[in-house]
Amino acid sequence: MNISKHTIVASLLSSLLMGCGGSGGGGGSSTTDSDRVLQYNFDNIASEFLGADIDYELTTGLQFNSGWNGETVKAYNKQGVQVESFSITPTILASNTCAQKPEPLNLGKQGGPRFNISPIGSDGSRHVVNFEGLPKKYQPNFTDKCEYQNYSLHGRYIIGSSNEKLTDLGDKEEIVNPTDLVSLDDMSRLLSVSIPNLEEPLSKYVSRKVNMSDHEFIVNNDSGAVRVFDTDLNQYVNLDGTKGKKWQFYGNNYLISTFIGGSVYVYDIKNKQLIDDASFEVAVNFKASIKDLADDKIVISYGIFPDENNVKGLPFKFVYDKANTENKVYVLKQGEWVIASEEADRLPLLTVYFASLKSGDVSQFDYDLTNDNFYATYNLSGGGFTVKVSTLEKLISTGNIDGIADIKIITGFPDEKTGIQKINGSVVVKSRNVDYTLNKRTDTFYMIKDNDKSRLGGISTDNMKSIEASSHN
C-alpha cells in the first residue's frame, strides 16, 4: 500500500510548564511543554484501522430525560463479533520526566477518544477519517505518574484509495452521500401528482436532502459552496456560483436549491453555472388554501428522482394549473422544462402506487434507491412489528404487497420501529421500548439478513444510541 507521510503534532510548542515534575524538592529541571507533545502518524493509523476488519461502530449507553449516561463506542465486524485488535498509540517527543512509552489509547472507554474511517460515495475509493478527543500531551499528574492529558485533538479529512490525503473538511462542511433509503412519507409528498384539495393549505415541501447522483458532495452549510471530486485531477474542486444558496437536491448533472424568498434555483454541474431560465417560483404561505393563492399556476412539489432510463438525477416539478384544474408534470432536459412522458419518465406511474400504499395498512414503507428493494412495516396489535421485503418492480407488476409470491416476511421485532438505515450494504432497523415508570428508553438495532434478523451488540442490555459504518480492506 502506498502510504505518504502524514504526521500530526498534537499541540503547539509553547510556554513553559510550571510546577510539574523533576526529582527531589520542587521541580529540579525546567522542562518545556514541547517535551510532552504527542505525535500521531495518521497514515499508519488509517492503514491499521482499514486492516482491522471493522464493519461498524456501535455507540451504547443509558438514556434518561436528563441526557445520556455512560456512553461507550465498540467496533464490530460483519459477523457481529466485537473487534478489539485496533488501537492507537501516539509517540512522544523526548522527555526527561516521562521516560516510559505511552500505553495504547482505550477507544471504547466511556467519554474517551473516538476514531473512525467511514465510506463515502458509492464506488468505495474514498473514505472520511474522523477523530475526536485524542490527547495532546503525556505528562506527570500530581502524583508524578505520567498520563494522557488535554483530550481535545479533533479533525476530519478525506483519503483516497491509497490512503493519500485528498482534502481537509471544515467545521461547517457536510458530506452529502448518495441517498439510499427514502420513506413513504417523503416519496408521497415529493411525488404528489394527484389533484390537490383546493380548500386546504398546501402542505410544506419535503425538507430532507436527497442525493440522486453516484457520488458524494461536500457542502458548506454556512456559505452554500459545493465541492465535488474530479476524477481526472484526482482532487476536489469548487463548483463556482454555488455560494449564497441552500442546496437540497443533488444529481449527476444538476443541483436544485430549497426555496429562498419564494425562488428555487437550478445549477448546471457540467458547465458550472446557474441556469437562469430554469429557476422558478414556489408557494411560501402554507397557511392559505390553494384556491386563495394568487398564482394561476402553483408548484405543488419539486425535486430530483431517477427515471425509467436510470438517469442519475432527473429534476422535476409538479405544477397545478388552476384554470384547467389539472396537474402538469415537468422534467428538466437539456436545461429546459418539458412535459414529462409517462412511458419514458415513469414519475406519474410511481405516484399512483405510493398513494395506494399510503392509504393501506402499511405503517411504514421505505424504498431503497440503490437496488429497488422496499421494506414494508406492519405494526402488531399486541406490540412489536413485522417487516416484509421485496422489490418495487414486483409490487408494480402485482399491484399490491400481498400479491407478491416470493415476498420475504421477517417477524419477531419487539417494541416500536423508530428508524432504518444502510450500513455497508446491510439494512439496519431500529426499535424502541419506553419505560415510563423508570423514565427510561431502550433502543435496539437489528440487521436484516436474508429472511431473518440479528440483534446487534450481542446480549448487551445497554441502550443503543447510534450506529456508524466503518471502512475496511
Protein backbone atom coordinates (compact mmCIF):
# COMPACT_ATOMS: atom_id res chain seq x y z
CA MET A 1 0.00 0.00 0.00
CA ASN A 2 1.35 3.38 -1.00
CA ILE A 3 1.42 5.40 2.23
CA SER A 4 2.53 9.01 2.20
CA LYS A 5 3.94 10.73 5.25
CA HIS A 6 1.18 12.46 7.24
CA THR A 7 2.10 13.11 10.85
CA ILE A 8 0.22 15.50 13.13
CA VAL A 9 1.91 17.11 16.12
CA ALA A 10 -0.80 17.21 18.74
CA SER A 11 -0.26 20.69 20.16
CA LEU A 12 1.76 23.80 19.57
CA LEU A 13 5.23 24.02 21.04
CA SER A 14 4.69 26.78 23.54
CA SER A 15 5.01 28.10 27.10
CA LEU A 16 6.94 26.62 29.99
CA LEU A 17 5.26 24.02 32.17
CA MET A 18 5.42 25.28 35.73
CA GLY A 19 5.48 23.25 38.95
CA CYS A 20 5.30 19.85 37.31
CA GLY A 21 7.96 17.32 37.68
CA GLY A 22 11.59 16.85 38.40
CA SER A 23 13.03 14.84 41.20
CA GLY A 24 13.57 15.90 44.77
CA GLY A 25 12.05 19.03 46.23
CA GLY A 26 10.20 21.18 43.84
CA GLY A 27 10.79 20.70 40.21
CA GLY A 28 14.54 20.44 39.76
CA SER A 29 14.73 20.67 35.92
CA SER A 30 12.86 23.16 33.78
CA THR A 31 11.03 21.13 31.12
CA THR A 32 9.06 22.78 28.33
CA ASP A 33 5.64 21.78 27.06
CA SER A 34 7.26 20.61 23.84
CA ASP A 35 8.81 17.70 25.75
CA ARG A 36 5.36 16.22 26.32
CA VAL A 37 3.77 16.86 22.92
CA LEU A 38 2.26 13.75 21.32
CA GLN A 39 2.55 12.90 17.65
CA TYR A 40 0.11 10.81 15.59
CA ASN A 41 1.11 9.18 12.33
CA PHE A 42 -2.34 9.05 10.75
CA ASP A 43 -1.10 7.26 7.63
CA ASN A 44 -0.14 4.26 9.74
CA ILE A 45 -3.22 4.60 11.94
CA ALA A 46 -5.50 4.61 8.89
CA SER A 47 -3.73 1.59 7.41
CA GLU A 48 -4.09 -0.35 10.66
CA PHE A 49 -7.76 0.59 11.01
CA LEU A 50 -8.60 -0.46 7.45
CA GLY A 51 -6.89 -3.79 8.09
CA ALA A 52 -8.75 -4.48 11.35
CA ASP A 53 -11.91 -5.83 9.63
CA ILE A 54 -14.20 -3.30 11.32
CA ASP A 55 -17.62 -3.10 9.67
CA TYR A 56 -19.40 -0.69 12.00
CA GLU A 57 -19.14 1.13 15.32
CA LEU A 58 -21.97 0.92 17.85
CA THR A 59 -22.49 3.63 20.46
CA THR A 60 -24.31 2.46 23.61
CA GLY A 61 -25.32 3.96 26.93
CA LEU A 62 -28.30 4.73 29.15
CA GLN A 63 -30.90 7.28 28.05
CA PHE A 64 -32.89 9.37 30.51
CA ASN A 65 -34.73 12.66 30.09
CA SER A 66 -31.74 14.36 31.66
CA GLY A 67 -29.43 13.05 28.94
CA TRP A 68 -27.01 10.21 28.21
CA ASN A 69 -25.05 8.37 30.87
CA GLY A 70 -22.08 6.04 30.39
CA GLU A 71 -21.75 6.35 26.61
CA THR A 72 -19.30 3.89 25.03
CA VAL A 73 -18.28 3.00 21.47
CA LYS A 74 -17.45 -0.54 20.36
CA ALA A 75 -16.33 -1.83 16.97
CA TYR A 76 -17.75 -4.95 15.28
CA ASN A 77 -17.02 -6.99 12.16
CA LYS A 78 -19.57 -8.26 9.62
CA GLN A 79 -20.26 -11.31 11.77
CA GLY A 80 -21.26 -9.10 14.71
CA VAL A 81 -18.15 -10.05 16.71
CA GLN A 82 -16.53 -7.25 18.68
CA VAL A 83 -13.20 -6.18 17.18
CA GLU A 84 -10.50 -5.39 19.73
CA SER A 85 -7.40 -5.61 17.55
CA PHE A 86 -7.25 -1.92 16.68
CA SER A 87 -5.69 0.66 18.99
CA ILE A 88 -3.88 3.97 18.73
CA THR A 89 -0.50 4.56 20.36
CA PRO A 90 0.95 8.03 19.77
CA THR A 91 4.65 8.77 20.02
CA ILE A 92 6.12 11.34 22.39
CA LEU A 93 8.94 13.76 21.88
CA ALA A 94 11.98 13.26 24.11
CA SER A 95 11.09 13.82 27.76
CA ASN A 96 13.19 13.81 30.92
CA THR A 97 10.09 13.38 33.10
CA CYS A 98 8.15 10.66 31.23
CA ALA A 99 10.62 8.08 30.10
CA GLN A 100 8.08 5.28 29.64
CA LYS A 101 6.25 4.83 26.37
CA PRO A 102 2.56 5.80 26.43
CA GLU A 103 0.13 2.88 26.58
CA PRO A 104 -2.37 2.30 23.76
CA LEU A 105 -5.42 4.56 23.95
CA ASN A 106 -8.64 2.90 25.08
CA LEU A 107 -11.07 3.81 22.29
CA GLY A 108 -14.00 2.05 23.96
CA LYS A 109 -13.77 3.96 27.22
CA GLN A 110 -16.74 6.00 28.42
CA GLY A 111 -16.28 9.54 27.19
CA GLY A 112 -12.89 8.60 25.76
CA PRO A 113 -11.26 9.22 22.37
CA ARG A 114 -13.12 8.34 19.19
CA PHE A 115 -11.75 7.25 15.81
CA ASN A 116 -13.48 6.00 12.71
CA ILE A 117 -12.99 5.76 8.96
CA SER A 118 -16.28 5.81 7.08
CA PRO A 119 -17.11 5.08 3.44
CA ILE A 120 -18.34 7.92 1.24
CA GLY A 121 -19.66 7.99 -2.30
CA SER A 122 -20.65 4.71 -3.92
CA ASP A 123 -17.53 3.29 -5.56
CA GLY A 124 -15.52 2.60 -2.38
CA SER A 125 -12.48 4.58 -3.48
CA ARG A 126 -12.71 7.38 -0.90
CA HIS A 127 -13.21 7.46 2.86
CA VAL A 128 -13.53 10.09 5.56
CA VAL A 129 -11.25 9.91 8.61
CA ASN A 130 -12.88 11.32 11.73
CA PHE A 131 -11.26 11.59 15.17
CA GLU A 132 -12.10 13.49 18.32
CA GLY A 133 -10.99 13.63 21.93
CA LEU A 134 -7.44 12.42 21.27
CA PRO A 135 -4.97 13.56 23.97
CA LYS A 136 -2.44 16.22 23.07
CA LYS A 137 0.02 15.62 25.91
CA TYR A 138 1.53 12.88 28.04
CA GLN A 139 2.91 14.24 31.30
CA PRO A 140 3.04 13.71 35.09
CA ASN A 141 -0.04 14.23 37.23
CA PHE A 142 0.02 15.39 40.87
CA THR A 143 1.41 12.00 41.96
CA ASP A 144 4.20 12.20 39.35
CA LYS A 145 2.62 9.35 37.39
CA CYS A 146 2.66 10.06 33.66
CA GLU A 147 -0.73 10.07 31.95
CA TYR A 148 -2.55 11.34 28.90
CA GLN A 149 -3.90 14.88 29.24
CA ASN A 150 -5.71 17.54 27.24
CA TYR A 151 -8.13 15.30 25.30
CA SER A 152 -9.03 17.92 22.70
CA LEU A 153 -7.43 16.93 19.38
CA HIS A 154 -10.03 16.51 16.64
CA GLY A 155 -10.22 16.57 12.87
CA ARG A 156 -11.84 15.29 9.67
CA TYR A 157 -10.29 14.69 6.29
CA ILE A 158 -10.85 12.55 3.20
CA ILE A 159 -8.42 9.91 1.93
CA GLY A 160 -8.21 8.20 -1.45
CA SER A 161 -7.76 4.57 -2.47
CA SER A 162 -4.07 4.58 -1.44
CA ASN A 163 -4.77 6.30 1.89
CA GLU A 164 -3.44 9.58 0.47
CA LYS A 165 -5.00 12.69 1.96
CA LEU A 166 -7.28 14.42 -0.55
CA THR A 167 -8.71 17.30 1.46
CA ASP A 168 -9.45 18.56 4.95
CA LEU A 169 -13.04 19.15 6.00
CA GLY A 170 -14.02 22.38 7.70
CA ASP A 171 -16.20 22.50 10.79
CA LYS A 172 -19.11 23.84 8.72
CA GLU A 173 -18.71 21.35 5.88
CA GLU A 174 -21.03 18.39 5.46
CA ILE A 175 -20.63 15.32 3.27
CA VAL A 176 -23.85 14.61 1.36
CA ASN A 177 -23.67 10.95 0.36
CA PRO A 178 -25.85 9.28 -2.28
CA THR A 179 -29.31 8.69 -0.82
CA ASP A 180 -30.22 5.07 -0.25
CA LEU A 181 -33.43 4.69 1.77
CA VAL A 182 -36.35 7.09 1.44
CA SER A 183 -39.60 6.87 3.39
CA LEU A 184 -43.11 6.61 2.00
CA ASP A 185 -43.95 9.97 3.58
CA ASP A 186 -41.12 11.66 1.70
CA MET A 187 -41.88 9.83 -1.54
CA SER A 188 -45.60 10.51 -1.47
CA ARG A 189 -45.03 14.19 -0.67
CA LEU A 190 -42.28 14.50 -3.26
CA LEU A 191 -44.39 12.77 -5.90
CA SER A 192 -47.75 14.32 -5.00
CA VAL A 193 -49.13 14.46 -8.53
CA SER A 194 -52.79 13.97 -7.55
CA ILE A 195 -55.16 16.93 -7.83
CA PRO A 196 -54.88 18.86 -4.54
CA ASN A 197 -57.78 19.78 -2.27
CA LEU A 198 -58.29 23.44 -3.07
CA GLU A 199 -59.94 24.11 0.29
CA GLU A 200 -56.89 23.00 2.26
CA PRO A 201 -53.49 24.68 2.67
CA LEU A 202 -50.64 23.36 0.57
CA SER A 203 -48.52 21.11 2.77
CA LYS A 204 -44.89 22.11 3.24
CA TYR A 205 -42.39 20.87 0.69
CA VAL A 206 -40.04 18.00 1.50
CA SER A 207 -37.28 19.25 3.80
CA ARG A 208 -34.69 16.45 3.66
CA LYS A 209 -31.67 16.48 1.36
CA VAL A 210 -31.76 13.96 -1.48
CA ASN A 211 -28.65 12.96 -3.44
CA MET A 212 -29.58 11.04 -6.56
CA SER A 213 -26.06 11.05 -8.01
CA ASP A 214 -23.47 8.25 -7.81
CA HIS A 215 -21.02 10.25 -5.72
CA GLU A 216 -20.73 12.48 -2.66
CA PHE A 217 -20.83 16.26 -2.44
CA ILE A 218 -19.04 18.46 0.11
CA VAL A 219 -21.34 21.31 1.14
CA ASN A 220 -20.53 24.31 3.31
CA ASN A 221 -23.69 24.82 5.37
CA ASP A 222 -22.80 28.46 6.04
CA SER A 223 -21.92 29.73 2.57
CA GLY A 224 -23.67 27.11 0.42
CA ALA A 225 -20.44 26.45 -1.53
CA VAL A 226 -20.28 22.96 -3.04
CA ARG A 227 -17.24 20.83 -3.89
CA VAL A 228 -17.10 17.63 -5.97
CA PHE A 229 -14.37 15.13 -6.73
CA ASP A 230 -12.73 15.47 -10.14
CA THR A 231 -11.52 12.00 -11.18
CA ASP A 232 -9.22 13.43 -13.87
CA LEU A 233 -7.45 15.77 -11.45
CA ASN A 234 -7.78 13.34 -8.50
CA GLN A 235 -8.86 16.18 -6.24
CA TYR A 236 -11.93 18.04 -5.00
CA VAL A 237 -12.87 21.13 -6.99
CA ASN A 238 -15.23 24.02 -6.30
CA LEU A 239 -18.48 24.44 -8.19
CA ASP A 240 -18.32 28.16 -8.96
CA GLY A 241 -21.53 30.07 -8.35
CA THR A 242 -22.97 27.76 -5.69
CA LYS A 243 -22.41 30.19 -2.81
CA GLY A 244 -25.39 32.01 -1.35
CA LYS A 245 -27.84 29.14 -1.95
CA LYS A 246 -29.04 26.26 0.23
CA TRP A 247 -28.83 23.16 -1.95
CA GLN A 248 -31.34 20.40 -1.26
CA PHE A 249 -31.45 18.07 -4.28
CA TYR A 250 -28.31 16.66 -5.90
CA GLY A 251 -27.86 14.78 -9.18
CA ASN A 252 -25.02 13.90 -11.54
CA ASN A 253 -25.87 16.85 -13.78
CA TYR A 254 -27.89 19.27 -11.67
CA LEU A 255 -28.38 20.81 -8.23
CA ILE A 256 -31.72 22.22 -7.04
CA SER A 257 -31.95 24.61 -4.12
CA THR A 258 -34.53 24.83 -1.38
CA PHE A 259 -36.75 27.86 -1.83
CA ILE A 260 -35.21 31.18 -0.86
CA GLY A 261 -37.71 34.03 -0.70
CA GLY A 262 -40.07 32.02 -2.88
CA SER A 263 -37.48 31.23 -5.56
CA VAL A 264 -35.88 27.89 -6.41
CA TYR A 265 -32.60 27.78 -8.35
CA VAL A 266 -31.14 25.15 -10.67
CA TYR A 267 -27.39 24.66 -11.16
CA ASP A 268 -25.72 23.02 -14.15
CA ILE A 269 -22.82 20.95 -12.75
CA LYS A 270 -21.17 20.17 -16.08
CA ASN A 271 -20.98 23.82 -17.14
CA LYS A 272 -20.52 25.12 -13.56
CA GLN A 273 -23.21 27.77 -13.72
CA LEU A 274 -26.74 28.61 -12.63
CA ILE A 275 -29.41 28.08 -15.28
CA ASP A 276 -31.27 31.38 -15.12
CA ASP A 277 -34.16 30.25 -17.31
CA ALA A 278 -34.73 27.12 -15.17
CA SER A 279 -35.36 28.91 -11.86
CA PHE A 280 -38.99 29.04 -10.73
CA GLU A 281 -41.27 30.46 -8.03
CA VAL A 282 -42.95 28.36 -5.33
CA ALA A 283 -45.57 28.93 -2.65
CA VAL A 284 -44.38 30.28 0.69
CA ASN A 285 -47.67 30.86 2.52
CA PHE A 286 -48.55 27.37 3.72
CA LYS A 287 -51.44 28.65 5.86
CA ALA A 288 -53.52 29.86 2.93
CA SER A 289 -55.70 27.47 0.95
CA ILE A 290 -54.66 26.73 -2.62
CA LYS A 291 -57.69 28.49 -4.09
CA ASP A 292 -56.70 31.67 -2.22
CA LEU A 293 -53.13 31.70 -3.52
CA ALA A 294 -52.69 34.43 -6.09
CA ASP A 295 -50.79 32.50 -8.75
CA ASP A 296 -52.68 30.77 -11.55
CA LYS A 297 -50.09 28.02 -11.64
CA ILE A 298 -48.78 26.64 -8.36
CA VAL A 299 -45.76 24.39 -7.91
CA ILE A 300 -47.08 21.51 -5.79
CA SER A 301 -43.77 19.68 -5.50
CA TYR A 302 -40.28 19.66 -6.96
CA GLY A 303 -37.02 17.76 -6.61
CA ILE A 304 -34.80 15.12 -8.21
CA PHE A 305 -35.68 11.47 -8.81
CA PRO A 306 -34.44 8.68 -11.12
CA ASP A 307 -36.32 7.99 -14.33
CA GLU A 308 -37.03 4.81 -16.25
CA ASN A 309 -33.76 5.12 -18.16
CA ASN A 310 -31.82 5.25 -14.88
CA VAL A 311 -30.77 8.86 -15.35
CA LYS A 312 -28.91 9.65 -12.13
CA GLY A 313 -30.90 12.64 -11.02
CA LEU A 314 -33.89 13.80 -13.06
CA PRO A 315 -35.11 17.26 -11.97
CA PHE A 316 -38.89 17.54 -11.92
CA LYS A 317 -41.69 19.82 -10.78
CA PHE A 318 -45.43 19.27 -10.43
CA VAL A 319 -47.48 22.32 -11.36
CA TYR A 320 -51.20 22.69 -10.62
CA ASP A 321 -52.99 24.68 -13.34
CA LYS A 322 -55.94 26.38 -11.60
CA ALA A 323 -57.62 27.47 -14.82
CA ASN A 324 -57.68 23.94 -16.28
CA THR A 325 -57.90 22.16 -12.90
CA GLU A 326 -55.11 19.75 -13.79
CA ASN A 327 -51.63 18.84 -12.70
CA LYS A 328 -48.78 19.04 -15.17
CA VAL A 329 -45.55 17.14 -14.64
CA TYR A 330 -42.38 18.77 -15.95
CA VAL A 331 -38.85 17.36 -16.16
CA LEU A 332 -35.63 19.24 -16.92
CA LYS A 333 -33.93 18.09 -20.10
CA GLN A 334 -31.07 19.92 -21.79
CA GLY A 335 -31.65 22.80 -19.41
CA GLU A 336 -35.35 23.27 -20.28
CA TRP A 337 -38.55 22.26 -18.51
CA VAL A 338 -40.64 19.94 -20.73
CA ILE A 339 -43.84 17.95 -20.11
CA ALA A 340 -42.95 14.51 -18.76
CA SER A 341 -43.73 11.35 -20.67
CA GLU A 342 -45.44 8.68 -18.58
CA GLU A 343 -43.76 5.93 -20.57
CA ALA A 344 -40.26 7.42 -20.65
CA ASP A 345 -40.04 9.21 -17.32
CA ARG A 346 -42.14 6.96 -15.05
CA LEU A 347 -42.81 9.62 -12.43
CA PRO A 348 -46.61 9.79 -12.91
CA LEU A 349 -46.74 5.99 -12.69
CA LEU A 350 -44.85 5.82 -9.40
CA THR A 351 -47.14 8.33 -7.72
CA VAL A 352 -50.15 6.02 -8.16
CA TYR A 353 -48.52 3.21 -6.20
CA PHE A 354 -47.22 5.45 -3.44
CA ALA A 355 -50.69 6.95 -2.98
CA SER A 356 -52.30 3.50 -2.70
CA LEU A 357 -49.67 2.36 -0.20
CA LYS A 358 -50.26 5.38 1.98
CA SER A 359 -53.96 4.56 2.21
CA GLY A 360 -53.35 0.90 3.10
CA ASP A 361 -52.45 -0.90 6.33
CA VAL A 362 -48.68 -0.40 5.97
CA SER A 363 -47.48 1.61 8.97
CA GLN A 364 -44.13 2.46 7.37
CA PHE A 365 -42.76 1.93 3.89
CA ASP A 366 -39.10 2.52 3.00
CA TYR A 367 -37.70 2.26 -0.52
CA ASP A 368 -34.05 1.55 -1.33
CA LEU A 369 -33.00 3.65 -4.29
CA THR A 370 -29.81 1.63 -4.77
CA ASN A 371 -31.37 -1.77 -5.52
CA ASP A 372 -35.18 -1.32 -5.90
CA ASN A 373 -35.92 -3.16 -2.61
CA PHE A 374 -38.69 -1.96 -0.32
CA TYR A 375 -39.24 -2.62 3.40
CA ALA A 376 -42.89 -2.51 4.48
CA THR A 377 -43.52 -2.38 8.24
CA TYR A 378 -46.74 -3.66 9.84
CA ASN A 379 -47.47 -2.89 13.50
CA LEU A 380 -48.94 -5.77 15.50
CA SER A 381 -51.90 -5.30 17.83
CA GLY A 382 -50.11 -6.98 20.73
CA GLY A 383 -46.94 -4.93 20.26
CA GLY A 384 -43.92 -5.30 18.04
CA PHE A 385 -43.87 -5.30 14.25
CA THR A 386 -43.25 -7.37 11.11
CA VAL A 387 -41.22 -6.33 8.06
CA LYS A 388 -41.98 -7.53 4.52
CA VAL A 389 -39.26 -7.23 1.87
CA SER A 390 -39.46 -7.34 -1.93
CA THR A 391 -38.83 -5.06 -4.93
CA LEU A 392 -40.81 -2.16 -6.33
CA GLU A 393 -40.76 -3.84 -9.74
CA LYS A 394 -42.65 -6.84 -8.32
CA LEU A 395 -45.02 -4.54 -6.43
CA ILE A 396 -45.89 -2.70 -9.64
CA SER A 397 -46.40 -5.95 -11.56
CA THR A 398 -48.69 -7.50 -8.91
CA GLY A 399 -50.47 -4.34 -7.79
CA ASN A 400 -50.21 -4.98 -4.04
CA ILE A 401 -47.74 -6.27 -1.46
CA ASP A 402 -49.71 -9.38 -0.51
CA GLY A 403 -49.80 -10.45 -4.14
CA ILE A 404 -46.02 -10.92 -4.33
CA ALA A 405 -45.48 -14.69 -4.23
CA ASP A 406 -41.87 -14.79 -3.02
CA ILE A 407 -42.03 -11.89 -0.58
CA LYS A 408 -39.72 -12.15 2.45
CA ILE A 409 -41.51 -11.86 5.80
CA ILE A 410 -39.37 -11.12 8.86
CA THR A 411 -41.18 -11.47 12.18
CA GLY A 412 -40.41 -11.11 15.85
CA PHE A 413 -39.38 -7.46 16.05
CA PRO A 414 -40.24 -6.22 19.56
CA ASP A 415 -41.45 -2.79 20.59
CA GLU A 416 -41.83 0.06 18.07
CA LYS A 417 -39.88 0.70 14.88
CA THR A 418 -38.22 4.12 15.01
CA GLY A 419 -35.68 4.07 12.19
CA ILE A 420 -33.98 2.28 9.30
CA GLN A 421 -30.60 2.83 7.63
CA LYS A 422 -27.98 1.16 5.43
CA ILE A 423 -24.64 0.05 6.89
CA ASN A 424 -22.14 -1.10 4.24
CA GLY A 425 -24.91 -2.58 2.12
CA SER A 426 -26.85 -4.15 5.01
CA VAL A 427 -30.18 -2.81 6.24
CA VAL A 428 -30.39 -1.99 9.95
CA VAL A 429 -33.74 -1.47 11.70
CA LYS A 430 -34.05 0.43 14.97
CA SER A 431 -36.72 -0.32 17.59
CA ARG A 432 -37.55 1.47 20.84
CA ASN A 433 -39.01 0.47 24.21
CA VAL A 434 -40.09 3.19 26.64
CA ASP A 435 -40.43 2.52 30.39
CA TYR A 436 -42.47 5.46 31.66
CA THR A 437 -42.20 4.26 35.27
CA LEU A 438 -38.40 4.46 35.25
CA ASN A 439 -38.40 7.37 32.81
CA LYS A 440 -36.09 5.36 30.58
CA ARG A 441 -36.00 4.35 26.94
CA THR A 442 -34.09 1.49 25.33
CA ASP A 443 -33.19 1.48 21.63
CA THR A 444 -32.04 -1.67 19.84
CA PHE A 445 -30.60 -2.26 16.36
CA TYR A 446 -31.36 -5.32 14.22
CA MET A 447 -29.58 -6.19 10.98
CA ILE A 448 -31.73 -7.80 8.28
CA LYS A 449 -30.04 -10.78 6.64
CA ASP A 450 -31.81 -12.95 4.07
CA ASN A 451 -35.12 -13.95 5.68
CA ASP A 452 -34.10 -13.26 9.25
CA LYS A 453 -32.80 -10.59 11.60
CA SER A 454 -29.89 -10.47 14.04
CA ARG A 455 -29.68 -8.24 17.10
CA LEU A 456 -26.54 -6.13 17.11
CA GLY A 457 -24.29 -5.71 20.12
CA GLY A 458 -24.51 -9.28 21.40
CA ILE A 459 -26.56 -9.80 24.55
CA SER A 460 -25.83 -6.37 26.00
CA THR A 461 -28.84 -4.67 27.57
CA ASP A 462 -27.37 -1.21 27.09
CA ASN A 463 -29.37 1.31 25.13
CA MET A 464 -28.04 1.66 21.58
CA LYS A 465 -27.65 5.32 20.69
CA SER A 466 -26.29 5.17 17.16
CA ILE A 467 -24.54 3.01 14.59
CA GLU A 468 -22.00 4.21 12.05
CA ALA A 469 -20.49 2.37 9.09
CA SER A 470 -16.73 1.81 9.03
CA SER A 471 -14.40 1.19 6.11
CA HIS A 472 -12.09 -1.82 5.85
CA ASN A 473 -9.89 -3.54 3.30
